[in-house]
């Protein structure tokens, strides 16, 4: 007779020779009877895990994948909205100048207020998220962005619109800084590159979609629609973030770092002075620009001094002793400066040298962001597979190669000859940005993710701001004319070649920084 299941259970709980009872948490034997070859039954004992903890782990792993997808959806929308807010207002400046009976210099502050808010506050809000909780602050940032978008859409005066755009920029600074910081909390480390690639793709889509969507909304519904369109998207982003992002860790007030108000204010004023020095004057660098640049240099010195004495500094000086982080920030600034050249030089070359009308110029310029959008996610997968540092160098090599091709570009090749190198440059930039962000954010301490993400985004923004002024000045100087808008086709072509030759040199410098940073990192690890 085979033993009954009840008997097996009793045997499983029987005392051992030492007289001690087996722990109840051990898996119990499951009994099965099988027919033998000769018609005899044989008994087999099989151990199967039945503990509650293992069941919960299996259930948790099954539920994690959908939760990660929805969390990434919320983060992607957050990145899309912040980049869309940057590019969608530019196309509406002529209409806004007519609507408010204002000069171009006045309506330009609609764009400038948004960019200044992001650039000056992105590091401070990243650090604030590390202290008070990233989920809480991100939800507040999305709410502020959405509310400010509505206020922009109903603004009765120009200066109220500009103030609302500054508030919208503050919300966008929170969204941009904390979106990247959340990747380390929501995505497994082995898939960090893919997540960074997705965020880069959404940023590129927002940048590319802004002009075309803005033009369609203005022609169909009026200028207020370019701001009100953010409201339903903002509400959807808020719901996804609130439902699927991980909760903030609860820390005691005694163990929580203090927010460096003085350092944050100094950094914001310094960055504002620098950004204004690089953007005011529309190409002419006068006494006001020089004064602002001197003020920015003085602000940097004062900021470094206050950070050395602060009990809880905004940016710890030890962070810059990390060769990987320092190299990544420097490379990001250089590459973004070069990428701005495509937006500064491209329209003049296409219009003045190749003779394209405005519609075709806009269509050709959209190729770059489109390539970046299509390259982001594959670049992330490649970075996860082959290593982020290797792909950082590969992206820089591609960007340098494309810049060299543009510097040697003969006019006879026409539009195709311009688009092909731009595709190489933009694809290289997308690979670099994804791999560079992955290198920095993959191993960063949890309590430093917000401020580090803010510094990465700040380096990119500073590169874009610098590129507008510096690469524009190089282009104007190489064209040998006081007014590029009326320059001849050959002068513009020469200016473009010289500008991208300088761009190639900057990328070579970035490559040297990448190699040196990698070697120094290995040496530090060995020590």
Protein backbone atom coordinates (compact mmCIF):
# COMPACT_ATOMS: atom_id res chain seq x y z
CA UNK A 1 0.00 0.00 0.00
CA UNK A 2 1.37 3.37 -0.84
CA UNK A 3 1.54 5.85 1.98
CA UNK A 4 -1.24 8.38 2.13
CA UNK A 5 -0.60 12.12 1.58
CA UNK A 6 -1.42 12.71 5.19
CA UNK A 7 1.20 10.18 6.20
CA UNK A 8 3.78 11.91 4.01
CA UNK A 9 2.99 15.21 5.68
CA UNK A 10 3.52 13.61 9.07
CA UNK A 11 6.82 12.17 7.87
CA UNK A 12 7.88 15.59 6.62
CA UNK A 13 7.28 17.05 10.06
CA UNK A 14 8.78 14.13 11.95
CA UNK A 15 11.59 14.86 14.35
CA UNK A 16 15.13 14.16 13.27
CA UNK A 17 17.59 12.03 15.24
CA UNK A 18 18.66 15.05 17.22
CA UNK A 19 15.09 15.50 18.44
CA UNK A 20 14.60 18.90 16.80
CA UNK A 21 11.68 19.66 14.54
CA UNK A 22 12.34 20.84 10.98
CA UNK A 23 11.61 24.50 10.33
CA UNK A 24 8.12 25.12 9.00
CA UNK A 25 9.44 27.39 6.24
CA UNK A 26 11.14 24.50 4.41
CA UNK A 27 9.34 23.21 1.31
CA UNK A 28 7.26 20.10 1.97
CA UNK A 29 7.68 16.99 -0.21
CA UNK A 30 4.97 16.42 -2.79
CA UNK A 31 4.20 12.73 -3.29
CA UNK A 32 3.43 11.15 -6.66
CA UNK A 33 2.82 7.52 -7.62
CA UNK A 34 3.84 6.16 -10.99
CA UNK A 35 3.25 2.75 -12.56
CA UNK A 36 6.49 0.72 -12.77
CA UNK A 37 7.59 -1.45 -15.67
CA UNK A 38 6.35 -4.59 -13.98
CA UNK A 39 3.02 -3.24 -12.80
CA UNK A 40 4.32 -2.24 -9.34
CA UNK A 41 3.71 1.22 -8.03
CA UNK A 42 6.69 3.25 -6.95
CA UNK A 43 6.74 6.32 -4.76
CA UNK A 44 8.61 9.50 -5.71
CA UNK A 45 9.21 12.49 -3.50
CA UNK A 46 9.59 15.87 -5.27
CA UNK A 47 10.56 19.09 -3.51
CA UNK A 48 8.66 22.17 -4.72
CA UNK A 49 8.97 25.65 -3.27
CA UNK A 50 5.78 26.70 -1.53
CA UNK A 51 7.02 29.58 0.64
CA UNK A 52 5.05 32.82 0.52
CA UNK A 53 8.16 34.91 -0.11
CA UNK A 54 9.04 33.04 -3.31
CA UNK A 55 5.47 33.33 -4.58
CA UNK A 56 5.52 37.07 -3.94
CA UNK A 57 8.86 37.44 -5.73
CA UNK A 58 7.53 35.61 -8.78
CA UNK A 59 4.40 37.76 -8.78
CA UNK A 60 6.47 40.93 -8.37
CA UNK A 61 8.71 40.09 -11.32
CA UNK A 62 5.66 39.38 -13.45
CA UNK A 63 4.13 42.74 -12.59
CA UNK A 64 7.37 44.74 -12.88
CA UNK A 65 7.59 44.80 -16.70
CA UNK A 66 4.20 46.51 -17.31
CA UNK A 67 4.88 48.94 -14.44
CA UNK A 68 8.24 49.90 -15.94
CA UNK A 69 6.63 50.45 -19.35
CA UNK A 70 3.97 52.78 -17.94
CA UNK A 71 6.54 54.64 -15.85
CA UNK A 72 8.71 55.13 -18.95
CA UNK A 73 5.63 56.34 -20.83
CA UNK A 74 5.12 59.07 -18.23
CA UNK A 75 8.81 60.02 -18.25
CA UNK A 76 8.85 60.09 -22.07
CA UNK A 77 5.85 62.42 -22.21
CA UNK A 78 7.54 64.64 -19.64
CA UNK A 79 10.65 64.92 -21.84
CA UNK A 80 8.51 65.46 -24.95
CA UNK A 81 6.59 68.35 -23.38
CA UNK A 82 9.66 70.18 -22.12
CA UNK A 83 11.37 70.03 -25.55
CA UNK A 84 8.12 70.89 -27.35
CA UNK A 85 7.81 74.00 -25.21
CA UNK A 86 11.25 75.09 -26.39
CA UNK A 87 10.61 74.86 -30.13
CA UNK A 88 6.88 75.47 -30.62
CA UNK A 89 6.90 79.18 -29.72
CA UNK A 90 9.58 80.24 -32.23
CA UNK A 91 7.31 79.83 -35.23
CA UNK A 92 4.70 82.08 -33.61
CA UNK A 93 6.90 85.13 -33.00
CA UNK A 94 5.79 87.08 -36.11
CA UNK A 95 2.12 86.44 -35.28
CA UNK A 96 2.66 87.41 -31.63
CA UNK A 97 4.40 90.63 -32.67
CA UNK A 98 1.30 91.57 -34.65
CA UNK A 99 -1.15 90.44 -31.96
CA UNK A 100 0.49 92.55 -29.23
CA UNK A 101 1.76 95.36 -31.52
CA UNK A 102 5.29 94.73 -30.27
CA UNK A 103 8.79 94.78 -31.75
CA UNK A 104 10.77 91.66 -32.52
CA UNK A 105 13.13 92.40 -29.61
CA UNK A 106 10.13 92.41 -27.23
CA UNK A 107 8.48 89.20 -28.46
CA UNK A 108 11.90 87.50 -28.44
CA UNK A 109 11.59 87.42 -24.65
CA UNK A 110 8.78 84.85 -25.05
CA UNK A 111 11.46 82.37 -26.12
CA UNK A 112 14.25 83.81 -24.00
CA UNK A 113 12.28 83.70 -20.72
CA UNK A 114 11.64 79.97 -21.17
CA UNK A 115 15.27 79.18 -22.03
CA UNK A 116 16.64 81.30 -19.18
CA UNK A 117 14.38 79.59 -16.64
CA UNK A 118 15.51 76.13 -17.73
CA UNK A 119 19.20 77.02 -17.97
CA UNK A 120 19.47 78.88 -14.66
CA UNK A 121 17.37 76.57 -12.46
CA UNK A 122 17.93 73.05 -13.79
CA UNK A 123 20.79 72.17 -11.40
CA UNK A 124 19.01 73.68 -8.38
CA UNK A 125 15.75 71.80 -8.96
CA UNK A 126 17.70 68.58 -9.54
CA UNK A 127 19.36 68.97 -6.14
CA UNK A 128 16.04 69.90 -4.53
CA UNK A 129 14.57 66.66 -5.86
CA UNK A 130 17.39 64.70 -4.21
CA UNK A 131 16.49 66.32 -0.87
CA UNK A 132 12.69 66.58 -0.74
CA UNK A 133 11.84 63.64 -2.99
CA UNK A 134 11.97 63.35 -6.77
CA UNK A 135 8.45 62.01 -7.28
CA UNK A 136 6.87 64.79 -5.26
CA UNK A 137 8.83 67.51 -7.03
CA UNK A 138 8.28 66.03 -10.51
CA UNK A 139 4.51 65.97 -9.96
CA UNK A 140 4.70 69.62 -8.85
CA UNK A 141 6.78 70.50 -11.92
CA UNK A 142 4.33 68.84 -14.31
CA UNK A 143 1.43 70.63 -12.61
CA UNK A 144 3.25 73.98 -12.85
CA UNK A 145 4.08 73.43 -16.52
CA UNK A 146 0.47 72.53 -17.33
CA UNK A 147 -1.00 75.44 -15.38
CA UNK A 148 1.48 77.91 -16.86
CA UNK A 149 0.65 76.65 -20.36
CA UNK A 150 -3.01 77.48 -19.78
CA UNK A 151 -2.02 80.91 -18.44
CA UNK A 152 0.09 81.49 -21.57
CA UNK A 153 -2.89 80.61 -23.74
CA UNK A 154 -5.24 83.11 -22.05
CA UNK A 155 -2.69 85.89 -21.38
CA UNK A 156 -4.20 89.31 -22.25
CA UNK A 157 -0.87 91.20 -22.39
CA UNK A 158 2.60 90.47 -23.69
CA UNK A 159 4.38 90.84 -20.33
CA UNK A 160 1.93 88.47 -18.62
CA UNK A 161 2.65 85.99 -21.41
CA UNK A 162 6.39 86.39 -20.82
CA UNK A 163 5.95 85.86 -17.05
CA UNK A 164 3.85 82.75 -17.71
CA UNK A 165 6.54 81.45 -20.07
CA UNK A 166 9.13 81.88 -17.30
CA UNK A 167 6.89 79.82 -14.96
CA UNK A 168 6.47 77.26 -17.74
CA UNK A 169 10.27 77.13 -18.05
CA UNK A 170 10.60 76.45 -14.33
CA UNK A 171 8.22 73.51 -14.66
CA UNK A 172 10.17 72.31 -17.70
CA UNK A 173 13.45 72.53 -15.73
CA UNK A 174 11.99 70.21 -13.07
CA UNK A 175 10.69 67.81 -15.72
CA UNK A 176 13.94 67.72 -17.68
CA UNK A 177 16.23 67.25 -14.66
CA UNK A 178 14.19 64.66 -12.77
CA UNK A 179 13.09 62.60 -15.78
CA UNK A 180 16.65 61.37 -16.35
CA UNK A 181 17.19 60.94 -12.60
CA UNK A 182 14.20 58.58 -12.40
CA UNK A 183 15.71 56.12 -14.90
CA UNK A 184 17.98 54.67 -12.20
CA UNK A 185 14.97 53.99 -9.96
CA UNK A 186 12.61 52.50 -12.55
CA UNK A 187 14.79 50.62 -15.05
CA UNK A 188 17.24 47.74 -14.45
CA UNK A 189 20.87 48.80 -14.85
CA UNK A 190 21.35 46.49 -17.85
CA UNK A 191 18.67 48.44 -19.75
CA UNK A 192 19.70 51.97 -18.77
CA UNK A 193 21.00 52.70 -22.27
CA UNK A 194 17.67 51.81 -23.89
CA UNK A 195 15.79 54.08 -21.49
CA UNK A 196 18.21 56.96 -22.13
CA UNK A 197 17.83 56.38 -25.86
CA UNK A 198 14.06 56.55 -25.55
CA UNK A 199 14.25 59.85 -23.64
CA UNK A 200 16.64 61.23 -26.26
CA UNK A 201 14.22 60.17 -28.97
CA UNK A 202 11.31 61.94 -27.29
CA UNK A 203 13.40 65.08 -26.88
CA UNK A 204 14.28 65.03 -30.58
CA UNK A 205 10.65 64.42 -31.55
CA UNK A 206 9.54 67.38 -29.45
CA UNK A 207 12.17 69.62 -31.05
CA UNK A 208 11.26 68.48 -34.58
CA UNK A 209 7.51 68.53 -34.01
CA UNK A 210 7.41 72.05 -32.54
CA UNK A 211 7.71 74.18 -35.71
CA UNK A 212 5.36 72.09 -37.86
CA UNK A 213 2.75 71.60 -35.12
CA UNK A 214 2.98 75.25 -34.12
CA UNK A 215 2.48 76.42 -37.70
CA UNK A 216 -0.55 74.17 -38.16
CA UNK A 217 -2.15 75.28 -34.88
CA UNK A 218 -1.59 78.98 -35.60
CA UNK A 219 -3.10 78.75 -39.09
CA UNK A 220 -6.08 76.74 -37.90
CA UNK A 221 -6.86 77.89 -34.34
CA UNK A 222 -4.73 80.97 -33.64
CA UNK A 223 -1.60 81.60 -31.58
CA UNK A 224 -3.18 80.70 -28.23
CA UNK A 225 -3.48 77.07 -29.34
CA UNK A 226 0.32 76.58 -29.38
CA UNK A 227 0.28 76.94 -25.58
CA UNK A 228 -3.10 75.36 -24.78
CA UNK A 229 -2.13 72.14 -26.60
CA UNK A 230 0.16 71.35 -23.65
CA UNK A 231 -2.77 71.18 -21.20
CA UNK A 232 -4.28 67.76 -22.12
CA UNK A 233 -0.81 66.27 -22.63
CA UNK A 234 0.28 67.66 -19.27
CA UNK A 235 -2.72 66.15 -17.50
CA UNK A 236 -2.01 62.74 -19.09
CA UNK A 237 1.64 62.97 -18.05
CA UNK A 238 0.64 63.88 -14.50
CA UNK A 239 -1.72 60.90 -14.23
CA UNK A 240 0.88 58.43 -15.52
CA UNK A 241 3.60 59.80 -13.23
CA UNK A 242 1.34 59.79 -10.19
CA UNK A 243 0.15 56.24 -10.81
CA UNK A 244 3.37 54.45 -11.85
CA UNK A 245 6.48 56.23 -10.54
CA UNK A 246 8.03 54.76 -7.36
CA UNK A 247 7.29 56.47 -4.06
CA UNK A 248 9.90 58.69 -2.44
CA UNK A 249 11.94 57.25 0.39
CA UNK A 250 10.97 58.52 3.80
CA UNK A 251 13.96 60.02 5.60
CA UNK A 252 14.15 61.68 8.97
CA UNK A 253 14.69 65.42 9.03
CA UNK A 254 17.91 64.91 10.98
CA UNK A 255 19.41 62.77 8.21
CA UNK A 256 18.14 64.96 5.36
CA UNK A 257 20.59 67.39 3.73
CA UNK A 258 19.76 71.09 3.66
CA UNK A 259 19.07 72.93 0.45
CA UNK A 260 21.81 75.40 -0.50
CA UNK A 261 19.75 78.52 -1.16
CA UNK A 262 22.74 80.86 -1.43
CA UNK A 263 24.61 78.61 -3.84
CA UNK A 264 21.51 78.03 -5.96
CA UNK A 265 20.81 81.77 -6.22
CA UNK A 266 24.44 82.54 -7.15
CA UNK A 267 24.51 79.83 -9.80
CA UNK A 268 21.19 81.01 -11.26
CA UNK A 269 22.37 84.63 -11.50
CA UNK A 270 25.70 83.56 -12.99
CA UNK A 271 24.07 81.39 -15.64
CA UNK A 272 21.54 84.13 -16.43
CA UNK A 273 24.37 86.63 -16.99
CA UNK A 274 26.21 84.20 -19.26
CA UNK A 275 23.09 83.24 -21.25
CA UNK A 276 22.16 86.90 -21.76
CA UNK A 277 25.73 87.75 -22.80
CA UNK A 278 25.56 85.04 -25.47
CA UNK A 279 22.07 85.83 -26.79
CA UNK A 280 21.47 89.59 -26.57
CA UNK A 281 22.45 91.85 -29.43
CA UNK A 282 21.44 89.48 -32.27
CA UNK A 283 25.01 88.82 -33.42
CA UNK A 284 26.75 92.00 -32.25
CA UNK A 285 28.90 91.71 -29.12
CA UNK A 286 28.74 95.16 -27.53
CA UNK A 287 29.55 96.73 -24.17
CA UNK A 288 26.49 95.18 -22.50
CA UNK A 289 27.54 91.70 -23.60
CA UNK A 290 31.05 92.23 -22.27
CA UNK A 291 29.72 93.51 -18.94
CA UNK A 292 27.44 90.49 -18.60
CA UNK A 293 30.31 88.13 -19.43
CA UNK A 294 32.51 89.76 -16.77
CA UNK A 295 29.65 89.46 -14.27
CA UNK A 296 29.31 85.77 -15.13
CA UNK A 297 33.05 85.19 -14.56
CA UNK A 298 32.86 86.98 -11.21
CA UNK A 299 29.80 84.89 -10.33
CA UNK A 300 31.67 81.65 -11.06
CA UNK A 301 34.50 82.62 -8.72
CA UNK A 302 32.07 83.62 -5.98
CA UNK A 303 30.05 80.42 -6.45
CA UNK A 304 33.15 78.22 -6.12
CA UNK A 305 34.15 80.04 -2.94
CA UNK A 306 30.71 79.71 -1.31
CA UNK A 307 30.48 76.02 -2.24
CA UNK A 308 33.81 75.32 -0.52
CA UNK A 309 32.47 76.83 2.71
CA UNK A 310 28.86 75.56 2.61
CA UNK A 311 27.85 72.81 5.02
CA UNK A 312 25.56 71.23 2.41
CA UNK A 313 26.72 72.58 -0.98
CA UNK A 314 24.65 72.48 -4.13
CA UNK A 315 27.54 70.92 -6.06
CA UNK A 316 30.27 69.16 -4.13
CA UNK A 317 33.77 69.81 -5.45
CA UNK A 318 34.50 66.09 -5.06
CA UNK A 319 32.09 65.41 -7.93
CA UNK A 320 34.48 67.08 -10.36
CA UNK A 321 37.29 64.82 -9.20
CA UNK A 322 35.42 61.99 -10.92
CA UNK A 323 37.14 61.82 -14.34
CA UNK A 324 34.11 60.21 -15.98
CA UNK A 325 31.69 62.94 -14.88
CA UNK A 326 34.06 65.82 -15.66
CA UNK A 327 34.86 64.45 -19.11
CA UNK A 328 31.20 63.81 -19.86
CA UNK A 329 30.18 67.36 -18.96
CA UNK A 330 32.97 68.89 -21.07
CA UNK A 331 32.18 66.67 -24.06
CA UNK A 332 28.46 67.41 -23.83
CA UNK A 333 29.13 71.16 -23.94
CA UNK A 334 31.45 70.88 -26.94
CA UNK A 335 29.17 68.57 -28.95
CA UNK A 336 26.09 70.71 -28.26
CA UNK A 337 28.02 73.78 -29.41
CA UNK A 338 28.73 72.01 -32.69
CA UNK A 339 25.14 70.85 -33.12
CA UNK A 340 23.94 74.43 -32.79
CA UNK A 341 26.00 75.24 -35.89
CA UNK A 342 23.63 73.14 -38.00
CA UNK A 343 20.73 75.38 -36.93
CA UNK A 344 22.68 78.64 -37.21
CA UNK A 345 24.45 78.01 -40.55
CA UNK A 346 22.07 75.60 -42.25
CA UNK A 347 19.21 78.01 -43.07
CA UNK A 348 21.55 80.57 -44.68
CA UNK A 349 23.34 77.95 -46.79
CA UNK A 350 20.10 76.37 -47.97
CA UNK A 351 18.45 79.69 -48.78
CA UNK A 352 21.32 81.85 -50.06
CA UNK A 353 23.59 79.25 -51.70
CA UNK A 354 21.16 76.54 -52.83
CA UNK A 355 18.26 78.94 -53.44
CA UNK A 356 15.54 76.99 -51.57
CA UNK A 357 12.32 78.68 -50.49
CA UNK A 358 11.22 78.84 -46.84
CA UNK A 359 9.07 75.70 -46.98
CA UNK A 360 11.88 73.57 -48.41
CA UNK A 361 14.39 75.03 -45.96
CA UNK A 362 12.14 74.00 -43.07
CA UNK A 363 11.69 70.54 -44.57
CA UNK A 364 15.45 69.99 -44.97
CA UNK A 365 16.15 71.28 -41.45
CA UNK A 366 13.67 68.76 -40.02
CA UNK A 367 15.85 65.89 -41.31
CA UNK A 368 18.31 66.26 -38.43
CA UNK A 369 15.79 65.94 -35.56
CA UNK A 370 14.06 63.12 -37.46
CA UNK A 371 17.33 61.16 -37.70
CA UNK A 372 17.96 61.78 -33.97
CA UNK A 373 14.47 60.49 -33.16
CA UNK A 374 14.99 57.31 -35.19
CA UNK A 375 18.50 56.70 -33.84
CA UNK A 376 17.89 57.20 -30.09
CA UNK A 377 16.42 53.82 -29.09
CA UNK A 378 18.73 51.66 -31.28
CA UNK A 379 21.67 53.66 -29.92
CA UNK A 380 20.57 52.81 -26.39
CA UNK A 381 20.39 49.10 -27.20
CA UNK A 382 23.85 49.21 -28.75
CA UNK A 383 25.23 51.03 -25.71
CA UNK A 384 23.78 48.35 -23.40
CA UNK A 385 25.33 45.60 -25.50
CA UNK A 386 28.79 46.95 -26.39
CA UNK A 387 29.40 49.36 -23.52
CA UNK A 388 28.49 53.02 -23.14
CA UNK A 389 32.07 54.33 -23.17
CA UNK A 390 32.86 52.63 -26.48
CA UNK A 391 29.71 54.02 -28.07
CA UNK A 392 30.51 57.50 -26.73
CA UNK A 393 33.73 57.45 -28.76
CA UNK A 394 31.94 55.95 -31.78
CA UNK A 395 29.38 58.76 -31.68
CA UNK A 396 32.12 61.38 -31.53
CA UNK A 397 33.95 59.81 -34.48
CA UNK A 398 30.76 59.89 -36.56
CA UNK A 399 30.09 63.52 -35.61
CA UNK A 400 33.65 64.51 -36.53
CA UNK A 401 33.41 62.66 -39.86
CA UNK A 402 30.15 64.41 -40.76
CA UNK A 403 31.58 67.81 -39.81
CA UNK A 404 34.64 67.16 -42.01
CA UNK A 405 32.38 66.24 -44.94
CA UNK A 406 30.43 69.49 -44.50
CA UNK A 407 33.68 71.48 -44.42
CA UNK A 408 34.66 69.96 -47.79
CA UNK A 409 31.18 70.12 -49.31
CA UNK A 410 31.09 71.25 -52.96
CA UNK A 411 28.08 73.36 -53.91
CA UNK A 412 27.48 71.28 -57.02
CA UNK A 413 26.14 68.35 -54.97
CA UNK A 414 23.07 70.40 -54.03
CA UNK A 415 20.59 69.41 -51.33
CA UNK A 416 21.59 65.74 -51.32
CA UNK A 417 25.21 66.68 -50.69
CA UNK A 418 24.09 68.69 -47.65
CA UNK A 419 21.63 66.14 -46.22
CA UNK A 420 24.00 63.15 -46.31
CA UNK A 421 26.65 64.66 -43.97
CA UNK A 422 23.90 66.09 -41.73
CA UNK A 423 22.52 62.57 -41.31
CA UNK A 424 25.98 61.36 -40.25
CA UNK A 425 26.44 64.27 -37.82
CA UNK A 426 23.00 63.88 -36.25
CA UNK A 427 23.19 60.09 -35.96
CA UNK A 428 26.60 60.45 -34.30
CA UNK A 429 25.20 63.05 -31.92
CA UNK A 430 22.28 60.78 -30.97
CA UNK A 431 24.65 57.87 -30.26
CA UNK A 432 26.98 60.12 -28.27
CA UNK A 433 24.25 61.71 -26.17
CA UNK A 434 22.63 58.38 -25.29
CA UNK A 435 25.92 56.67 -24.44
CA UNK A 436 27.31 59.67 -22.56
CA UNK A 437 24.19 60.02 -20.39
CA UNK A 438 24.19 56.26 -19.74
CA UNK A 439 27.85 56.32 -18.65
CA UNK A 440 27.17 59.02 -16.07
CA UNK A 441 23.76 57.97 -14.76
CA UNK A 442 24.25 54.20 -14.56
CA UNK A 443 26.58 54.20 -11.52
CA UNK A 444 25.69 57.47 -9.80
CA UNK A 445 24.74 57.47 -6.11
CA UNK A 446 20.96 57.59 -5.53
CA UNK A 447 21.19 60.82 -3.49
CA UNK A 448 23.09 62.54 -6.33
CA UNK A 449 20.96 61.53 -9.32
CA UNK A 450 18.93 64.73 -9.45
CA UNK A 451 21.82 67.18 -9.32
CA UNK A 452 23.91 65.07 -11.72
CA UNK A 453 21.06 64.89 -14.22
CA UNK A 454 20.66 68.65 -13.89
CA UNK A 455 24.37 69.18 -14.58
CA UNK A 456 24.21 67.00 -17.70
CA UNK A 457 21.25 68.96 -19.05
CA UNK A 458 22.94 72.23 -18.07
CA UNK A 459 26.08 71.33 -20.03
CA UNK A 460 23.92 70.64 -23.09
CA UNK A 461 22.01 73.92 -22.71
CA UNK A 462 25.22 75.92 -22.22
CA UNK A 463 26.58 74.34 -25.39
CA UNK A 464 23.48 75.36 -27.33
CA UNK A 465 23.61 78.90 -25.95
CA UNK A 466 27.34 79.18 -26.66
CA UNK A 467 26.95 77.72 -30.14
CA UNK A 468 24.39 80.36 -31.05
CA UNK A 469 26.87 83.15 -30.40
CA UNK A 470 30.28 81.59 -31.06
CA UNK A 471 29.47 79.53 -34.15
CA UNK A 472 27.37 82.40 -35.49
CA UNK A 473 30.35 84.74 -35.06
CA UNK A 474 32.66 82.25 -36.82
CA UNK A 475 30.19 81.97 -39.69
CA UNK A 476 29.86 85.76 -40.07
CA UNK A 477 33.64 86.27 -39.89
CA UNK A 478 34.35 83.52 -42.44
CA UNK A 479 31.71 84.94 -44.79
CA UNK A 480 33.62 88.26 -44.79
CA UNK A 481 30.43 90.32 -44.66
CA UNK A 482 28.70 92.57 -42.16
CA UNK A 483 25.23 91.17 -42.93
CA UNK A 484 25.03 87.43 -43.60
CA UNK A 485 21.37 87.74 -44.66
CA UNK A 486 22.42 89.69 -47.77
CA UNK A 487 25.71 87.91 -48.45
CA UNK A 488 26.40 86.26 -51.79
CA UNK A 489 26.06 82.53 -52.38
CA UNK A 490 29.81 81.87 -52.55
CA UNK A 491 30.50 83.89 -49.40
CA UNK A 492 27.88 81.90 -47.48
CA UNK A 493 29.27 78.61 -48.82
CA UNK A 494 32.78 79.60 -47.69
CA UNK A 495 31.44 80.62 -44.29
CA UNK A 496 29.74 77.25 -43.87
CA UNK A 497 32.89 75.30 -44.78
CA UNK A 498 35.03 77.25 -42.32
CA UNK A 499 32.39 76.94 -39.56
CA UNK A 500 32.24 73.17 -39.85
CA UNK A 501 36.01 72.92 -40.03
CA UNK A 502 36.04 74.62 -36.63
CA UNK A 503 33.26 72.24 -35.54
CA UNK A 504 35.39 69.25 -36.54
CA UNK A 505 38.28 70.61 -34.44
CA UNK A 506 35.97 70.94 -31.43
CA UNK A 507 34.86 67.32 -31.83
CA UNK A 508 38.49 66.19 -32.03
CA UNK A 509 39.05 68.01 -28.72
CA UNK A 510 36.04 66.15 -27.30
CA UNK A 511 37.57 62.86 -28.53
CA UNK A 512 40.82 63.67 -26.77
CA UNK A 513 38.88 64.40 -23.56
CA UNK A 514 37.04 61.07 -23.91
CA UNK A 515 40.26 59.08 -24.31
CA UNK A 516 42.01 60.94 -21.47
CA UNK A 517 39.03 60.57 -19.16
CA UNK A 518 38.80 56.86 -19.86
CA UNK A 519 42.51 56.35 -19.18
CA UNK A 520 42.37 58.39 -15.98
CA UNK A 521 39.32 56.47 -14.81
CA UNK A 522 41.13 53.15 -15.29
CA UNK A 523 44.18 54.45 -13.44
CA UNK A 524 42.03 55.67 -10.55
CA UNK A 525 40.21 52.33 -10.37
CA UNK A 526 43.53 50.45 -10.32
CA UNK A 527 44.81 52.61 -7.45
